[in-house]
Each structure stands twice: as C-alpha cells, then as structure tokens.
Amino acid sequence: MTEHSQSEEQGTGGGSPEPKKPRSFWKELPILIGIALVLALLIKTFLVQAFSIPSDSMQNTLQRGDRVLVDKLTPWFGSKPERGEVIVFHDPGEWLAGEPTASPNALQTVLSWIGLMPSAEEKDLIKRVIGVGGDTVECKGSGPLVVNGKALNEPYVYPGNTPCSDDDQGGRFKVTVPKGYVWVMGDHRQNSRDSRYNQADKYHGMVPVKEVVGRAVVRAWPINRWGTLPVPDTFDQPGIGEHSSAAGALTVAPTGVAVSAVVPVAVWRRRRSLKAVNGTGGTTTATAGR
C-alpha cells in the first residue's frame, strides 16, 4: 500500500463527523407552543389563575369587569386565609342559586383551560375575609363592624355605605367563627349578599377554608387599574389577634409565565446548534434571516 493511499484512508475515516444542521424555527414552533400550553395549565392549577369580577359587590376595590390574579401556591404549603385578604372561593352553600350560567364559545373555553379566563362551570365568589377561626364578629345598627371587641376603621368600604346594614335580615348579627372557616363580606356593604345574608345555609354563612381557591393579589386588567391588593392596616391593631402576611405572589398571567419559561430554552437550543455548526468553543453571530 502506497503513502498516497494510506493518506486518503486516514483522511476519510479519521475526520470529524459533519455536525447536524439546526432544525428550522418553524418546525420547532409547534413544540414550543405545546410546551407553553402544558406549563400554562400547570401554572393555572398550582400557581396563579385569572378571575373576572362579575358584580359590584367589591366596589370600589374591584369594579365589574376587572381581572384579578389569584395566588394558588401558598395554600399548598399550608397558608390559611387571613383577616383583610380578598379571596376567591367556591360557592359554599348555594349562594349563587338562580344566577345565570354563561355559555362560553370555543375560544373562551380554551382561554379558561389555560387560565386566561375563569371557567364558566365554576361557581366562584370573591369577598374580603373579616373573621377567621375563633374570631367573634359583630354588627349593631349601622356600625362600626367589630372583631374580637375591636371596632374596625374600614377605608375600603364603598363611599356612602355604612360598615353594617341596619336591617333585620343580615344587618344585625354576632357570630363566632368555627375553626376551619372564615366570615366574609363585600366592600360594597349595601350591595353584597355575603356571609351576613346566608346564615340560613348549612354553614350558617361561614365559608369552609377547604373551599377557598386562593388570595387575590393583583388587579391585572384593565391596565389603567393595575395594582396590588394589600391587607389594610386596620387588621394590625393590637388585640384583634395574630396577623401574618401572606407570601409574595406572581404578578403575571399563566401564559406569560409559560412563554417566558419556554423562550430561554428555545434560545439556548438554537445557540447550541449554531455552535455545533461553526465549531465548539467559539462565539457565533446570527445573521438576518436565520
């Protein structure tokens, strides 16, 4: 065998294999969309979910048509509703009996599945927690509202409303909240059928903690009303009971979180593919149209 033929064999068999050509972005797009949808579903289930406000019962804190983001993560770690929090909860005892049920179209169904819209099948309400297990909540005449013997200064109550409604149906009451339950009221006191007006149900107007979806932490839409929903200072006054702040919550919609998680992965994969084409160890510059 000659030197020439040996050189040819070495050149043919000993060279590096040609690197794979990176997959087209358009071929990867359906995969990325699928990953984003799965992440959005997981985020909606375990982290945060969007809900719309269908009534005026929480004015002026929340207006009809507002979208809020609800923290669903902290309850998984044992967090319980605290006084002053705005919470979303499943209808505990036919509070919404007689209310019409929406008939969503296909697009609304998809949006509710990934957490960008509330599900039409879910009967959920949103109110403010006034009393937790062990608290005594009392209203006499037009107010003020009293919790554990302490009168509340409630700046969030709708302007022109009295803290309590001076009527026999639900305006005058004194209740002690059992362990594992909360007592809730709307901020628009004269336009909210809350715990006061459902004392004849099986829970006597209380909401079981197990029915609480989570705490509303951000008013996300419309954009000009964006803001957080903090616990008012009135519930920090001495003697009213222990108060603990809830953990911080996500402030973006589920699909936004999912997309932000997928994009870095896509960029990393494409950079790695480009490095493989141009040789490892060097930097590459993407050209227009790639």
C-alpha atoms as a PDB file:
ATOM      1  CA  MET A   1       0.000   0.000   0.000  1.00  0.00           C
ATOM      2  CA  THR A   2       1.436   3.389  -1.011  1.00  0.00           C
ATOM      3  CA  GLU A   3       1.727   6.502   1.153  1.00  0.00           C
ATOM      4  CA  HIS A   4      -0.829   8.206  -1.051  1.00  0.00           C
ATOM      5  CA  SER A   5      -3.499   5.547  -0.472  1.00  0.00           C
ATOM      6  CA  GLN A   6      -2.793   5.455   3.291  1.00  0.00           C
ATOM      7  CA  SER A   7      -3.242   9.222   3.491  1.00  0.00           C
ATOM      8  CA  GLU A   8      -6.558   9.006   1.686  1.00  0.00           C
ATOM      9  CA  GLU A   9      -7.837   6.304   4.054  1.00  0.00           C
ATOM     10  CA  GLN A  10      -6.827   8.308   7.115  1.00  0.00           C
ATOM     11  CA  GLY A  11      -8.471  11.420   5.739  1.00  0.00           C
ATOM     12  CA  THR A  12     -11.666   9.539   5.012  1.00  0.00           C
ATOM     13  CA  GLY A  13     -12.025   7.537   8.213  1.00  0.00           C
ATOM     14  CA  GLY A  14     -10.388   9.759  10.850  1.00  0.00           C
ATOM     15  CA  GLY A  15     -12.175  13.074  10.192  1.00  0.00           C
ATOM     16  CA  SER A  16     -14.810  14.590  12.490  1.00  0.00           C
ATOM     17  CA  PRO A  17     -18.427  13.772  11.598  1.00  0.00           C
ATOM     18  CA  GLU A  18     -20.343  16.581   9.999  1.00  0.00           C
ATOM     19  CA  PRO A  19     -22.462  18.448  12.588  1.00  0.00           C
ATOM     20  CA  LYS A  20     -26.236  18.210  12.345  1.00  0.00           C
ATOM     21  CA  LYS A  21     -27.970  21.101  10.684  1.00  0.00           C
ATOM     22  CA  PRO A  22     -30.122  23.027  13.221  1.00  0.00           C
ATOM     23  CA  ARG A  23     -33.826  22.403  12.916  1.00  0.00           C
ATOM     24  CA  SER A  24     -35.877  25.193  11.363  1.00  0.00           C
ATOM     25  CA  PHE A  25     -37.525  27.566  13.842  1.00  0.00           C
ATOM     26  CA  TRP A  26     -40.884  26.944  12.166  1.00  0.00           C
ATOM     27  CA  LYS A  27     -40.524  23.224  12.792  1.00  0.00           C
ATOM     28  CA  GLU A  28     -39.741  23.869  16.450  1.00  0.00           C
ATOM     29  CA  LEU A  29     -42.590  26.362  16.917  1.00  0.00           C
ATOM     30  CA  PRO A  30     -45.397  23.761  17.405  1.00  0.00           C
ATOM     31  CA  ILE A  31     -43.245  22.001  20.033  1.00  0.00           C
ATOM     32  CA  LEU A  32     -42.655  25.274  21.866  1.00  0.00           C
ATOM     33  CA  ILE A  33     -46.360  26.135  21.751  1.00  0.00           C
ATOM     34  CA  GLY A  34     -47.190  22.709  23.173  1.00  0.00           C
ATOM     35  CA  ILE A  35     -44.680  23.156  25.999  1.00  0.00           C
ATOM     36  CA  ALA A  36     -46.075  26.636  26.740  1.00  0.00           C
ATOM     37  CA  LEU A  37     -49.646  25.288  26.939  1.00  0.00           C
ATOM     38  CA  VAL A  38     -48.633  22.489  29.304  1.00  0.00           C
ATOM     39  CA  LEU A  39     -46.748  24.958  31.504  1.00  0.00           C
ATOM     40  CA  ALA A  40     -49.735  27.331  31.459  1.00  0.00           C
ATOM     41  CA  LEU A  41     -52.025  24.517  32.630  1.00  0.00           C
ATOM     42  CA  LEU A  42     -49.626  23.603  35.441  1.00  0.00           C
ATOM     43  CA  ILE A  43     -49.300  27.265  36.467  1.00  0.00           C
ATOM     44  CA  LYS A  44     -53.084  27.696  36.471  1.00  0.00           C
ATOM     45  CA  THR A  45     -53.511  24.574  38.587  1.00  0.00           C
ATOM     46  CA  PHE A  46     -50.783  25.168  41.130  1.00  0.00           C
ATOM     47  CA  LEU A  47     -49.557  28.792  40.995  1.00  0.00           C
ATOM     48  CA  VAL A  48     -51.832  31.569  39.765  1.00  0.00           C
ATOM     49  CA  GLN A  49     -55.144  31.911  37.922  1.00  0.00           C
ATOM     50  CA  ALA A  50     -57.041  34.831  36.418  1.00  0.00           C
ATOM     51  CA  PHE A  51     -60.607  35.588  37.506  1.00  0.00           C
ATOM     52  CA  SER A  52     -63.078  38.222  36.318  1.00  0.00           C
ATOM     53  CA  ILE A  53     -65.311  40.325  38.583  1.00  0.00           C
ATOM     54  CA  PRO A  54     -68.968  39.813  37.588  1.00  0.00           C
ATOM     55  CA  SER A  55     -70.707  42.157  40.062  1.00  0.00           C
ATOM     56  CA  ASP A  56     -70.418  45.395  42.043  1.00  0.00           C
ATOM     57  CA  SER A  57     -70.181  43.755  45.493  1.00  0.00           C
ATOM     58  CA  MET A  58     -66.469  44.613  45.931  1.00  0.00           C
ATOM     59  CA  GLN A  59     -66.568  48.248  44.803  1.00  0.00           C
ATOM     60  CA  ASN A  60     -64.515  50.370  44.874  1.00  0.00           C
ATOM     61  CA  THR A  61     -61.694  47.938  45.494  1.00  0.00           C
ATOM     62  CA  LEU A  62     -62.780  45.955  42.438  1.00  0.00           C
ATOM     63  CA  GLN A  63     -65.040  47.072  39.635  1.00  0.00           C
ATOM     64  CA  ARG A  64     -67.269  44.925  37.473  1.00  0.00           C
ATOM     65  CA  GLY A  65     -65.147  43.583  34.606  1.00  0.00           C
ATOM     66  CA  ASP A  66     -61.816  43.801  36.428  1.00  0.00           C
ATOM     67  CA  ARG A  67     -59.437  40.848  36.112  1.00  0.00           C
ATOM     68  CA  VAL A  68     -57.587  39.688  39.206  1.00  0.00           C
ATOM     69  CA  LEU A  69     -54.767  37.187  39.622  1.00  0.00           C
ATOM     70  CA  VAL A  70     -55.247  34.694  42.423  1.00  0.00           C
ATOM     71  CA  ASP A  71     -52.350  33.113  44.301  1.00  0.00           C
ATOM     72  CA  LYS A  72     -52.983  29.350  44.416  1.00  0.00           C
ATOM     73  CA  LEU A  73     -49.469  28.356  45.507  1.00  0.00           C
ATOM     74  CA  THR A  74     -49.292  29.335  49.179  1.00  0.00           C
ATOM     75  CA  PRO A  75     -52.363  27.251  50.195  1.00  0.00           C
ATOM     76  CA  TRP A  76     -50.443  24.169  49.008  1.00  0.00           C
ATOM     77  CA  PHE A  77     -47.893  24.950  51.717  1.00  0.00           C
ATOM     78  CA  GLY A  78     -50.488  25.284  54.476  1.00  0.00           C
ATOM     79  CA  SER A  79     -51.211  29.023  54.220  1.00  0.00           C
ATOM     80  CA  LYS A  80     -54.694  29.892  55.517  1.00  0.00           C
ATOM     81  CA  PRO A  81     -56.833  32.953  54.738  1.00  0.00           C
ATOM     82  CA  GLU A  82     -56.066  35.958  56.955  1.00  0.00           C
ATOM     83  CA  ARG A  83     -58.258  38.844  58.065  1.00  0.00           C
ATOM     84  CA  GLY A  84     -58.392  41.583  55.463  1.00  0.00           C
ATOM     85  CA  GLU A  85     -57.415  39.441  52.485  1.00  0.00           C
ATOM     86  CA  VAL A  86     -59.549  39.417  49.342  1.00  0.00           C
ATOM     87  CA  ILE A  87     -60.187  35.765  48.492  1.00  0.00           C
ATOM     88  CA  VAL A  88     -61.849  33.727  45.753  1.00  0.00           C
ATOM     89  CA  PHE A  89     -63.828  30.714  46.937  1.00  0.00           C
ATOM     90  CA  HIS A  90     -66.203  28.095  45.581  1.00  0.00           C
ATOM     91  CA  ASP A  91     -69.873  28.666  46.332  1.00  0.00           C
ATOM     92  CA  PRO A  92     -70.200  27.010  49.768  1.00  0.00           C
ATOM     93  CA  GLY A  93     -73.966  26.753  50.080  1.00  0.00           C
ATOM     94  CA  GLU A  94     -75.993  27.791  47.035  1.00  0.00           C
ATOM     95  CA  TRP A  95     -75.161  31.481  47.442  1.00  0.00           C
ATOM     96  CA  LEU A  96     -75.383  31.789  43.650  1.00  0.00           C
ATOM     97  CA  ALA A  97     -78.648  29.869  43.297  1.00  0.00           C
ATOM     98  CA  GLY A  98     -80.692  31.353  40.484  1.00  0.00           C
ATOM     99  CA  GLU A  99     -77.765  33.188  38.924  1.00  0.00           C
ATOM    100  CA  PRO A 100     -77.487  32.612  35.141  1.00  0.00           C
ATOM    101  CA  THR A 101     -74.663  30.373  33.910  1.00  0.00           C
ATOM    102  CA  ALA A 102     -72.609  31.641  30.980  1.00  0.00           C
ATOM    103  CA  SER A 103     -72.353  29.659  27.750  1.00  0.00           C
ATOM    104  CA  PRO A 104     -68.746  30.090  26.562  1.00  0.00           C
ATOM    105  CA  ASN A 105     -67.696  29.735  22.934  1.00  0.00           C
ATOM    106  CA  ALA A 106     -64.764  27.588  21.811  1.00  0.00           C
ATOM    107  CA  LEU A 107     -62.190  30.371  22.228  1.00  0.00           C
ATOM    108  CA  GLN A 108     -63.391  31.201  25.748  1.00  0.00           C
ATOM    109  CA  THR A 109     -63.225  27.513  26.650  1.00  0.00           C
ATOM    110  CA  VAL A 110     -59.585  27.304  25.529  1.00  0.00           C
ATOM    111  CA  LEU A 111     -58.691  30.526  27.367  1.00  0.00           C
ATOM    112  CA  SER A 112     -60.308  29.275  30.562  1.00  0.00           C
ATOM    113  CA  TRP A 113     -58.447  25.949  30.237  1.00  0.00           C
ATOM    114  CA  ILE A 114     -55.063  27.700  30.223  1.00  0.00           C
ATOM    115  CA  GLY A 115     -56.057  30.176  32.942  1.00  0.00           C
ATOM    116  CA  LEU A 116     -56.610  33.398  30.983  1.00  0.00           C
ATOM    117  CA  MET A 117     -60.343  33.342  31.705  1.00  0.00           C
ATOM    118  CA  PRO A 118     -62.392  31.862  34.551  1.00  0.00           C
ATOM    119  CA  SER A 119     -64.280  28.665  33.823  1.00  0.00           C
ATOM    120  CA  ALA A 120     -67.988  29.143  33.177  1.00  0.00           C
ATOM    121  CA  GLU A 121     -68.719  25.889  35.022  1.00  0.00           C
ATOM    122  CA  GLU A 122     -67.064  27.063  38.250  1.00  0.00           C
ATOM    123  CA  LYS A 123     -69.320  28.839  40.738  1.00  0.00           C
ATOM    124  CA  ASP A 124     -66.864  31.145  42.454  1.00  0.00           C
ATOM    125  CA  LEU A 125     -67.247  34.276  44.568  1.00  0.00           C
ATOM    126  CA  ILE A 126     -64.840  36.991  45.702  1.00  0.00           C
ATOM    127  CA  LYS A 127     -65.115  38.742  49.090  1.00  0.00           C
ATOM    128  CA  ARG A 128     -62.935  40.125  51.884  1.00  0.00           C
ATOM    129  CA  VAL A 129     -62.106  37.989  54.927  1.00  0.00           C
ATOM    130  CA  ILE A 130     -63.369  39.679  58.091  1.00  0.00           C
ATOM    131  CA  GLY A 131     -63.094  36.863  60.623  1.00  0.00           C
ATOM    132  CA  VAL A 132     -61.099  33.627  60.857  1.00  0.00           C
ATOM    133  CA  GLY A 133     -61.488  30.595  63.117  1.00  0.00           C
ATOM    134  CA  GLY A 134     -62.052  31.648  66.728  1.00  0.00           C
ATOM    135  CA  ASP A 135     -62.982  35.275  65.941  1.00  0.00           C
ATOM    136  CA  THR A 136     -66.177  36.941  67.115  1.00  0.00           C
ATOM    137  CA  VAL A 137     -67.652  39.294  64.513  1.00  0.00           C
ATOM    138  CA  GLU A 138     -70.434  41.696  65.461  1.00  0.00           C
ATOM    139  CA  CYS A 139     -72.564  44.386  63.874  1.00  0.00           C
ATOM    140  CA  LYS A 140     -75.059  46.654  65.633  1.00  0.00           C
ATOM    141  CA  GLY A 141     -77.070  49.284  63.818  1.00  0.00           C
ATOM    142  CA  SER A 142     -75.068  50.911  61.046  1.00  0.00           C
ATOM    143  CA  GLY A 143     -71.688  50.054  62.561  1.00  0.00           C
ATOM    144  CA  PRO A 144     -68.826  50.078  63.057  1.00  0.00           C
ATOM    145  CA  LEU A 145     -68.004  46.441  62.402  1.00  0.00           C
ATOM    146  CA  VAL A 146     -66.435  44.870  65.499  1.00  0.00           C
ATOM    147  CA  VAL A 147     -63.980  41.944  65.528  1.00  0.00           C
ATOM    148  CA  ASN A 148     -62.922  40.454  68.871  1.00  0.00           C
ATOM    149  CA  GLY A 149     -64.180  43.569  70.639  1.00  0.00           C
ATOM    150  CA  LYS A 150     -62.201  45.945  68.403  1.00  0.00           C
ATOM    151  CA  ALA A 151     -64.006  48.403  66.129  1.00  0.00           C
ATOM    152  CA  LEU A 152     -62.637  48.423  62.610  1.00  0.00           C
ATOM    153  CA  ASN A 153     -61.758  51.532  60.641  1.00  0.00           C
ATOM    154  CA  GLU A 154     -62.540  50.344  57.098  1.00  0.00           C
ATOM    155  CA  PRO A 155     -61.296  52.767  54.429  1.00  0.00           C
ATOM    156  CA  TYR A 156     -62.051  50.222  51.699  1.00  0.00           C
ATOM    157  CA  VAL A 157     -65.836  50.316  52.300  1.00  0.00           C
ATOM    158  CA  TYR A 158     -67.719  51.826  49.351  1.00  0.00           C
ATOM    159  CA  PRO A 159     -68.155  55.609  49.748  1.00  0.00           C
ATOM    160  CA  GLY A 160     -71.576  56.432  51.195  1.00  0.00           C
ATOM    161  CA  ASN A 161     -72.059  52.935  52.662  1.00  0.00           C
ATOM    162  CA  THR A 162     -72.218  52.254  56.378  1.00  0.00           C
ATOM    163  CA  PRO A 163     -69.993  49.395  57.641  1.00  0.00           C
ATOM    164  CA  CYS A 164     -73.109  47.470  58.715  1.00  0.00           C
ATOM    165  CA  SER A 165     -76.608  47.413  57.261  1.00  0.00           C
ATOM    166  CA  ASP A 166     -79.286  48.400  59.751  1.00  0.00           C
ATOM    167  CA  ASP A 167     -81.789  45.685  58.858  1.00  0.00           C
ATOM    168  CA  ASP A 168     -83.088  42.503  60.469  1.00  0.00           C
ATOM    169  CA  GLN A 169     -82.251  40.153  57.599  1.00  0.00           C
ATOM    170  CA  GLY A 170     -78.473  40.371  57.853  1.00  0.00           C
ATOM    171  CA  GLY A 171     -77.529  43.757  59.222  1.00  0.00           C
ATOM    172  CA  ARG A 172     -77.510  42.893  62.913  1.00  0.00           C
ATOM    173  CA  PHE A 173     -75.525  39.851  63.977  1.00  0.00           C
ATOM    174  CA  LYS A 174     -72.972  38.448  66.368  1.00  0.00           C
ATOM    175  CA  VAL A 175     -71.209  35.277  65.307  1.00  0.00           C
ATOM    176  CA  THR A 176     -68.226  33.236  66.415  1.00  0.00           C
ATOM    177  CA  VAL A 177     -66.314  31.721  63.505  1.00  0.00           C
ATOM    178  CA  PRO A 178     -65.572  27.993  63.936  1.00  0.00           C
ATOM    179  CA  LYS A 179     -62.086  26.625  63.309  1.00  0.00           C
ATOM    180  CA  GLY A 180     -61.584  25.804  59.625  1.00  0.00           C
ATOM    181  CA  TYR A 181     -63.983  28.521  58.428  1.00  0.00           C
ATOM    182  CA  VAL A 182     -63.917  32.234  57.549  1.00  0.00           C
ATOM    183  CA  TRP A 183     -66.521  35.009  57.649  1.00  0.00           C
ATOM    184  CA  VAL A 184     -66.534  37.150  54.505  1.00  0.00           C
ATOM    185  CA  MET A 185     -68.126  40.439  53.479  1.00  0.00           C
ATOM    186  CA  GLY A 186     -68.118  42.567  50.338  1.00  0.00           C
ATOM    187  CA  ASP A 187     -66.647  46.081  50.356  1.00  0.00           C
ATOM    188  CA  HIS A 188     -69.885  47.434  48.860  1.00  0.00           C
ATOM    189  CA  ARG A 189     -71.744  46.654  52.071  1.00  0.00           C
ATOM    190  CA  GLN A 190     -75.203  47.640  50.882  1.00  0.00           C
ATOM    191  CA  ASN A 191     -74.840  45.650  47.648  1.00  0.00           C
ATOM    192  CA  SER A 192     -73.274  42.362  48.696  1.00  0.00           C
ATOM    193  CA  ARG A 193     -75.019  39.110  49.553  1.00  0.00           C
ATOM    194  CA  ASP A 194     -72.198  37.727  51.670  1.00  0.00           C
ATOM    195  CA  SER A 195     -71.917  35.782  54.949  1.00  0.00           C
ATOM    196  CA  ARG A 196     -74.460  38.095  56.613  1.00  0.00           C
ATOM    197  CA  TYR A 197     -77.268  37.095  54.276  1.00  0.00           C
ATOM    198  CA  ASN A 198     -76.515  33.370  54.080  1.00  0.00           C
ATOM    199  CA  GLN A 199     -76.739  32.444  57.761  1.00  0.00           C
ATOM    200  CA  ALA A 200     -79.616  30.088  56.985  1.00  0.00           C
ATOM    201  CA  ASP A 201     -77.418  27.783  54.873  1.00  0.00           C
ATOM    202  CA  LYS A 202     -75.727  24.603  56.132  1.00  0.00           C
ATOM    203  CA  TYR A 203     -72.584  26.502  57.196  1.00  0.00           C
ATOM    204  CA  HIS A 204     -74.513  29.418  58.779  1.00  0.00           C
ATOM    205  CA  GLY A 205     -72.911  31.888  56.394  1.00  0.00           C
ATOM    206  CA  MET A 206     -69.376  30.668  57.019  1.00  0.00           C
ATOM    207  CA  VAL A 207     -67.017  29.672  54.198  1.00  0.00           C
ATOM    208  CA  PRO A 208     -65.033  26.444  54.717  1.00  0.00           C
ATOM    209  CA  VAL A 209     -61.309  27.052  54.259  1.00  0.00           C
ATOM    210  CA  LYS A 210     -61.218  23.963  52.015  1.00  0.00           C
ATOM    211  CA  GLU A 211     -63.445  25.839  49.524  1.00  0.00           C
ATOM    212  CA  VAL A 212     -61.024  28.777  49.225  1.00  0.00           C
ATOM    213  CA  VAL A 213     -59.298  28.859  45.829  1.00  0.00           C
ATOM    214  CA  GLY A 214     -56.713  31.438  46.866  1.00  0.00           C
ATOM    215  CA  ARG A 215     -55.981  35.050  47.652  1.00  0.00           C
ATOM    216  CA  ALA A 216     -56.490  37.767  45.021  1.00  0.00           C
ATOM    217  CA  VAL A 217     -53.153  39.575  44.988  1.00  0.00           C
ATOM    218  CA  VAL A 218     -53.115  41.670  41.815  1.00  0.00           C
ATOM    219  CA  ARG A 219     -55.701  43.665  39.878  1.00  0.00           C
ATOM    220  CA  ALA A 220     -54.244  42.996  36.436  1.00  0.00           C
ATOM    221  CA  TRP A 221     -56.821  44.365  33.990  1.00  0.00           C
ATOM    222  CA  PRO A 222     -57.726  46.899  32.714  1.00  0.00           C
ATOM    223  CA  ILE A 223     -54.154  48.112  32.599  1.00  0.00           C
ATOM    224  CA  ASN A 224     -55.028  51.590  33.911  1.00  0.00           C
ATOM    225  CA  ARG A 225     -56.319  49.955  37.125  1.00  0.00           C
ATOM    226  CA  TRP A 226     -53.340  47.660  37.638  1.00  0.00           C
ATOM    227  CA  GLY A 227     -52.302  47.365  41.278  1.00  0.00           C
ATOM    228  CA  THR A 228     -51.795  45.049  44.218  1.00  0.00           C
ATOM    229  CA  LEU A 229     -54.460  44.148  46.786  1.00  0.00           C
ATOM    230  CA  PRO A 230     -52.702  44.528  50.160  1.00  0.00           C
ATOM    231  CA  VAL A 231     -54.141  43.763  53.595  1.00  0.00           C
ATOM    232  CA  PRO A 232     -55.392  47.023  55.208  1.00  0.00           C
ATOM    233  CA  ASP A 233     -53.635  48.269  58.355  1.00  0.00           C
ATOM    234  CA  THR A 234     -56.902  48.161  60.314  1.00  0.00           C
ATOM    235  CA  PHE A 235     -56.387  44.434  60.891  1.00  0.00           C
ATOM    236  CA  ASP A 236     -52.985  45.050  62.514  1.00  0.00           C
ATOM    237  CA  GLN A 237     -54.328  46.910  65.525  1.00  0.00           C
ATOM    238  CA  PRO A 238     -53.348  45.430  68.925  1.00  0.00           C
ATOM    239  CA  GLY A 239     -55.764  42.982  70.475  1.00  0.00           C
ATOM    240  CA  ILE A 240     -57.546  41.936  67.314  1.00  0.00           C
ATOM    241  CA  GLY A 241     -55.477  38.771  67.032  1.00  0.00           C
ATOM    242  CA  GLU A 242     -52.350  37.498  65.362  1.00  0.00           C
ATOM    243  CA  HIS A 243     -51.878  38.620  61.769  1.00  0.00           C
ATOM    244  CA  SER A 244     -49.355  37.182  59.353  1.00  0.00           C
ATOM    245  CA  SER A 245     -48.610  38.498  55.897  1.00  0.00           C
ATOM    246  CA  ALA A 246     -49.098  36.102  53.022  1.00  0.00           C
ATOM    247  CA  ALA A 247     -46.136  35.175  50.908  1.00  0.00           C
ATOM    248  CA  GLY A 248     -45.432  37.164  47.771  1.00  0.00           C
ATOM    249  CA  ALA A 249     -47.316  36.150  44.674  1.00  0.00           C
ATOM    250  CA  LEU A 250     -46.730  36.046  40.966  1.00  0.00           C
ATOM    251  CA  THR A 251     -47.871  39.161  39.144  1.00  0.00           C
ATOM    252  CA  VAL A 252     -48.139  37.858  35.605  1.00  0.00           C
ATOM    253  CA  ALA A 253     -50.712  35.762  33.818  1.00  0.00           C
ATOM    254  CA  PRO A 254     -50.134  31.992  33.465  1.00  0.00           C
ATOM    255  CA  THR A 255     -49.469  32.039  29.744  1.00  0.00           C
ATOM    256  CA  GLY A 256     -46.987  34.890  30.145  1.00  0.00           C
ATOM    257  CA  VAL A 257     -45.078  32.860  32.723  1.00  0.00           C
ATOM    258  CA  ALA A 258     -45.134  29.815  30.485  1.00  0.00           C
ATOM    259  CA  VAL A 259     -43.857  31.718  27.458  1.00  0.00           C
ATOM    260  CA  SER A 260     -41.110  33.378  29.488  1.00  0.00           C
ATOM    261  CA  ALA A 261     -40.019  29.929  30.624  1.00  0.00           C
ATOM    262  CA  VAL A 262     -40.016  28.457  27.126  1.00  0.00           C
ATOM    263  CA  VAL A 263     -38.187  31.279  25.296  1.00  0.00           C
ATOM    264  CA  PRO A 264     -34.838  30.872  27.133  1.00  0.00           C
ATOM    265  CA  VAL A 265     -34.935  27.150  26.397  1.00  0.00           C
ATOM    266  CA  ALA A 266     -35.518  27.828  22.705  1.00  0.00           C
ATOM    267  CA  VAL A 267     -32.687  30.382  22.560  1.00  0.00           C
ATOM    268  CA  TRP A 268     -30.303  28.016  24.344  1.00  0.00           C
ATOM    269  CA  ARG A 269     -31.118  25.160  21.972  1.00  0.00           C
ATOM    270  CA  ARG A 270     -30.553  27.300  18.886  1.00  0.00           C
ATOM    271  CA  ARG A 271     -27.274  28.715  20.237  1.00  0.00           C
ATOM    272  CA  ARG A 272     -26.045  25.200  20.928  1.00  0.00           C
ATOM    273  CA  SER A 273     -26.995  24.092  17.410  1.00  0.00           C
ATOM    274  CA  LEU A 274     -25.208  27.075  15.865  1.00  0.00           C
ATOM    275  CA  LYS A 275     -22.078  26.357  17.911  1.00  0.00           C
ATOM    276  CA  ALA A 276     -22.124  22.788  16.654  1.00  0.00           C
ATOM    277  CA  VAL A 277     -22.232  24.030  13.060  1.00  0.00           C
ATOM    278  CA  ASN A 278     -19.481  26.638  13.487  1.00  0.00           C
ATOM    279  CA  GLY A 279     -17.241  24.616  15.793  1.00  0.00           C
ATOM    280  CA  THR A 280     -17.248  24.390  19.580  1.00  0.00           C
ATOM    281  CA  GLY A 281     -15.524  26.948  21.764  1.00  0.00           C
ATOM    282  CA  GLY A 282     -16.092  29.988  19.533  1.00  0.00           C
ATOM    283  CA  THR A 283     -18.779  32.631  19.565  1.00  0.00           C
ATOM    284  CA  THR A 284     -21.275  32.978  16.752  1.00  0.00           C
ATOM    285  CA  THR A 285     -23.275  35.853  15.377  1.00  0.00           C
ATOM    286  CA  ALA A 286     -26.687  35.184  13.957  1.00  0.00           C
ATOM    287  CA  THR A 287     -27.327  36.656  10.549  1.00  0.00           C
ATOM    288  CA  ALA A 288     -30.550  38.170   9.336  1.00  0.00           C
ATOM    289  CA  GLY A 289     -32.925  35.562   8.028  1.00  0.00           C
ATOM    290  CA  ARG A 290     -31.578  32.597  10.035  1.00  0.00           C
END
